[in-house]
C-alpha atoms as a PDB file:
ATOM      1  CA  MET A   1       0.000   0.000   0.000  1.00  0.00           C
ATOM      2  CA  TYR A   2       2.921   2.341   0.686  1.00  0.00           C
ATOM      3  CA  ALA A   3       4.223   1.737  -2.821  1.00  0.00           C
ATOM      4  CA  LEU A   4       0.834   2.541  -4.359  1.00  0.00           C
ATOM      5  CA  ALA A   5       0.566   5.816  -2.431  1.00  0.00           C
ATOM      6  CA  THR A   6       4.061   6.993  -3.389  1.00  0.00           C
ATOM      7  CA  PHE A   7       3.582   5.844  -6.984  1.00  0.00           C
ATOM      8  CA  LEU A   8       0.342   7.843  -7.326  1.00  0.00           C
ATOM      9  CA  MET A   9       1.779  10.918  -5.610  1.00  0.00           C
ATOM     10  CA  GLY A  10       4.908  10.747  -7.786  1.00  0.00           C
ATOM     11  CA  GLY A  11       2.735  10.486 -10.894  1.00  0.00           C
ATOM     12  CA  LEU A  12       0.724  13.486  -9.752  1.00  0.00           C
ATOM     13  CA  MET A  13       3.931  15.454  -9.292  1.00  0.00           C
ATOM     14  CA  PHE A  14       5.035  14.549 -12.834  1.00  0.00           C
ATOM     15  CA  LEU A  15       1.593  15.488 -14.103  1.00  0.00           C
ATOM     16  CA  PHE A  16       2.025  18.967 -12.629  1.00  0.00           C
ATOM     17  CA  ALA A  17       5.764  19.339 -13.323  1.00  0.00           C
ATOM     18  CA  LEU A  18       5.811  18.762 -17.066  1.00  0.00           C
ATOM     19  CA  PRO A  19       3.350  21.518 -18.071  1.00  0.00           C
ATOM     20  CA  MET A  20       4.868  23.851 -15.474  1.00  0.00           C
ATOM     21  CA  LEU A  21       8.243  23.417 -17.162  1.00  0.00           C
ATOM     22  CA  PHE A  22       7.306  23.204 -20.838  1.00  0.00           C
ATOM     23  CA  ALA A  23       3.912  24.943 -21.222  1.00  0.00           C
ATOM     24  CA  THR A  24       4.303  27.672 -18.637  1.00  0.00           C
ATOM     25  CA  LYS A  25       1.859  30.236 -20.035  1.00  0.00           C
ATOM     26  CA  TRP A  26      -0.899  27.680 -20.636  1.00  0.00           C
ATOM     27  CA  PHE A  27      -0.492  26.120 -17.179  1.00  0.00           C
ATOM     28  CA  LYS A  28      -0.527  29.552 -15.538  1.00  0.00           C
ATOM     29  CA  GLN A  29      -3.835  30.367 -17.266  1.00  0.00           C
ATOM     30  CA  GLU A  30      -5.331  27.035 -16.212  1.00  0.00           C
ATOM     31  CA  LEU A  31      -4.082  27.449 -12.639  1.00  0.00           C
ATOM     32  CA  MET A  32      -5.577  30.923 -12.338  1.00  0.00           C
ATOM     33  CA  ALA A  33      -8.875  29.672 -13.806  1.00  0.00           C
ATOM     34  CA  THR A  34      -8.921  26.869 -11.218  1.00  0.00           C
ATOM     35  CA  VAL A  35      -8.267  29.058  -8.182  1.00  0.00           C
ATOM     36  CA  LYS A  36     -11.027  31.530  -8.988  1.00  0.00           C
ATOM     37  CA  ASP A  37     -13.642  31.245  -6.267  1.00  0.00           C
ATOM     38  CA  LYS A  38     -16.726  29.806  -7.988  1.00  0.00           C
ATOM     39  CA  PRO A  39     -19.797  28.352  -6.296  1.00  0.00           C
ATOM     40  CA  GLY A  40     -20.553  24.685  -6.773  1.00  0.00           C
ATOM     41  CA  LEU A  41     -18.373  21.642  -7.152  1.00  0.00           C
ATOM     42  CA  HIS A  42     -16.115  22.772  -9.945  1.00  0.00           C
ATOM     43  CA  GLY A  43     -12.807  24.518  -9.851  1.00  0.00           C
ATOM     44  CA  LEU A  44     -11.347  25.150  -6.437  1.00  0.00           C
ATOM     45  CA  GLN A  45     -14.031  23.426  -4.349  1.00  0.00           C
ATOM     46  CA  LEU A  46     -13.692  20.177  -6.270  1.00  0.00           C
ATOM     47  CA  TYR A  47      -9.907  20.350  -6.142  1.00  0.00           C
ATOM     48  CA  SER A  48      -9.824  20.980  -2.399  1.00  0.00           C
ATOM     49  CA  THR A  49     -12.322  18.173  -1.750  1.00  0.00           C
ATOM     50  CA  LEU A  50     -10.177  15.759  -3.761  1.00  0.00           C
ATOM     51  CA  VAL A  51      -7.059  16.857  -1.858  1.00  0.00           C
ATOM     52  CA  VAL A  52      -8.779  16.190   1.493  1.00  0.00           C
ATOM     53  CA  VAL A  53      -9.996  12.762   0.322  1.00  0.00           C
ATOM     54  CA  PHE A  54      -6.495  11.913  -0.936  1.00  0.00           C
ATOM     55  CA  GLY A  55      -5.021  12.970   2.419  1.00  0.00           C
ATOM     56  CA  LEU A  56      -7.548  10.844   4.303  1.00  0.00           C
ATOM     57  CA  TRP A  57      -6.688   7.874   2.095  1.00  0.00           C
ATOM     58  CA  MET A  58      -2.982   8.338   2.829  1.00  0.00           C
ATOM     59  CA  LEU A  59      -3.713   8.558   6.549  1.00  0.00           C
ATOM     60  CA  SER A  60      -5.763   5.371   6.314  1.00  0.00           C
ATOM     61  CA  ILE A  61      -2.529   3.637   5.271  1.00  0.00           C
ATOM     62  CA  GLU A  62      -0.565   5.017   8.222  1.00  0.00           C
ATOM     63  CA  TYR A  63      -1.442   7.862  10.584  1.00  0.00           C
ATOM     64  CA  ARG A  64       1.219   7.604  13.294  1.00  0.00           C
ATOM     65  CA  LEU A  65       4.353   9.733  13.314  1.00  0.00           C
ATOM     66  CA  THR A  66       7.049   7.846  15.185  1.00  0.00           C
ATOM     67  CA  GLY A  67      10.802   8.172  15.046  1.00  0.00           C
ATOM     68  CA  ASP A  68      11.501   4.567  14.077  1.00  0.00           C
ATOM     69  CA  MET A  69       9.519   4.585  10.817  1.00  0.00           C
ATOM     70  CA  GLY A  70      12.400   5.394   8.484  1.00  0.00           C
ATOM     71  CA  TRP A  71      11.238   6.272   4.964  1.00  0.00           C
ATOM     72  CA  TYR A  72       7.708   5.151   5.821  1.00  0.00           C
ATOM     73  CA  ILE A  73       7.195   8.413   7.696  1.00  0.00           C
ATOM     74  CA  ILE A  74       6.647  10.197   4.372  1.00  0.00           C
ATOM     75  CA  ILE A  75       3.147   8.699   4.023  1.00  0.00           C
ATOM     76  CA  PRO A  76       1.574  10.258   7.167  1.00  0.00           C
ATOM     77  CA  ILE A  77       3.440  13.529   6.573  1.00  0.00           C
ATOM     78  CA  LEU A  78       2.002  13.791   3.047  1.00  0.00           C
ATOM     79  CA  GLY A  79      -1.427  12.830   4.384  1.00  0.00           C
ATOM     80  CA  TYR A  80      -1.443  15.514   7.067  1.00  0.00           C
ATOM     81  CA  ILE A  81      -0.111  18.148   4.637  1.00  0.00           C
ATOM     82  CA  SER A  82      -2.779  17.208   2.071  1.00  0.00           C
ATOM     83  CA  ILE A  83      -5.583  17.533   4.606  1.00  0.00           C
ATOM     84  CA  LEU A  84      -4.198  20.846   5.847  1.00  0.00           C
ATOM     85  CA  LYS A  85      -3.958  22.160   2.291  1.00  0.00           C
ATOM     86  CA  GLY A  86      -7.451  20.990   1.320  1.00  0.00           C
ATOM     87  CA  VAL A  87      -9.103  22.415   4.433  1.00  0.00           C
ATOM     88  CA  THR A  88      -7.227  25.712   4.038  1.00  0.00           C
ATOM     89  CA  ILE A  89      -8.432  26.017   0.454  1.00  0.00           C
ATOM     90  CA  LEU A  90     -12.020  25.240   1.500  1.00  0.00           C
ATOM     91  CA  TRP A  91     -11.979  27.789   4.323  1.00  0.00           C
ATOM     92  CA  ALA A  92     -10.030  30.565   2.610  1.00  0.00           C
ATOM     93  CA  PRO A  93     -10.535  30.465  -1.167  1.00  0.00           C
ATOM     94  CA  LYS A  94      -9.833  34.181  -1.644  1.00  0.00           C
ATOM     95  CA  TRP A  95      -6.546  33.845   0.216  1.00  0.00           C
ATOM     96  CA  MET A  96      -5.601  30.911  -2.029  1.00  0.00           C
ATOM     97  CA  GLU A  97      -6.433  32.922  -5.131  1.00  0.00           C
ATOM     98  CA  GLY A  98      -4.192  35.776  -3.955  1.00  0.00           C
ATOM     99  CA  PHE A  99      -1.433  33.382  -2.931  1.00  0.00           C
ATOM    100  CA  ALA A 100      -1.423  31.614  -6.302  1.00  0.00           C
ATOM    101  CA  SER A 101      -1.383  34.873  -8.240  1.00  0.00           C
ATOM    102  CA  LYS A 102       1.599  36.131  -6.210  1.00  0.00           C
ATOM    103  CA  ALA A 103       3.499  32.830  -6.095  1.00  0.00           C
ATOM    104  CA  TYR A 104       3.243  32.174  -9.833  1.00  0.00           C
ATOM    105  CA  SER A 105       3.392  35.753 -11.086  1.00  0.00           C
ATOM    106  CA  SER A 106       6.397  35.194 -13.351  1.00  0.00           C
ATOM    107  CA  ASN A 107       7.382  32.432 -15.734  1.00  0.00           C
ATOM    108  CA  SER A 108      10.588  31.791 -13.795  1.00  0.00           C
ATOM    109  CA  ALA A 109       8.613  31.186 -10.582  1.00  0.00           C
ATOM    110  CA  MET A 110       6.361  28.755 -12.451  1.00  0.00           C
ATOM    111  CA  MET A 111       9.362  26.906 -13.882  1.00  0.00           C
ATOM    112  CA  LEU A 112      11.033  26.756 -10.455  1.00  0.00           C
ATOM    113  CA  GLY A 113       7.861  25.251  -9.012  1.00  0.00           C
ATOM    114  CA  GLY A 114       7.832  22.741 -11.866  1.00  0.00           C
ATOM    115  CA  LEU A 115      11.453  21.838 -11.165  1.00  0.00           C
ATOM    116  CA  PHE A 116      10.686  21.213  -7.480  1.00  0.00           C
ATOM    117  CA  ALA A 117       7.641  19.113  -8.436  1.00  0.00           C
ATOM    118  CA  LEU A 118       9.782  17.091 -10.859  1.00  0.00           C
ATOM    119  CA  ILE A 119      12.462  16.461  -8.234  1.00  0.00           C
ATOM    120  CA  PHE A 120       9.826  15.465  -5.666  1.00  0.00           C
ATOM    121  CA  GLY A 121       8.192  13.116  -8.180  1.00  0.00           C
ATOM    122  CA  ILE A 122      11.557  11.472  -8.892  1.00  0.00           C
ATOM    123  CA  ILE A 123      12.172  11.011  -5.150  1.00  0.00           C
ATOM    124  CA  LEU A 124       8.717   9.486  -4.668  1.00  0.00           C
ATOM    125  CA  TRP A 125       9.180   7.080  -7.573  1.00  0.00           C
ATOM    126  CA  TRP A 126      12.617   6.148  -6.240  1.00  0.00           C
ATOM    127  CA  LEU A 127      10.906   5.318  -2.939  1.00  0.00           C
ATOM    128  CA  THR A 128       8.290   3.287  -4.800  1.00  0.00           C
ATOM    129  CA  PHE A 129      10.708   1.134  -6.755  1.00  0.00           C
ATOM    130  CA  SER A 130      13.619   0.758  -4.358  1.00  0.00           C
ATOM    131  CA  VAL A 131      12.482   1.252  -0.748  1.00  0.00           C
ATOM    132  CA  PHE A 132       8.853   0.118  -0.527  1.00  0.00           C
END
């Protein structure tokens, strides 16, 4: 189950990293269209609900944070961060819209975010295929 969680999260990171690196303008337009606060289950509300459900699924695999877990500690950390992110987006959508517009204001910031997502995806897939 650990391998499935890291494989899916690594794939998600690659899914975000590639357009952030190679189709920066298009991804920026799509990101800004997603974070606009719209009523109903589309856009930001759907995204934040999916992030919370994904975090709950990761915490259903392992929820404890103990010092002797080794690499397995990444699963509950990602689960707690996902739930925190999803709940924050649900409670403060205007703040998220402002944060995204400031954080990804330039193409270089978007490409740097894509580079970090690519590196994180590689680390997660390394964990999938060699550790778990």
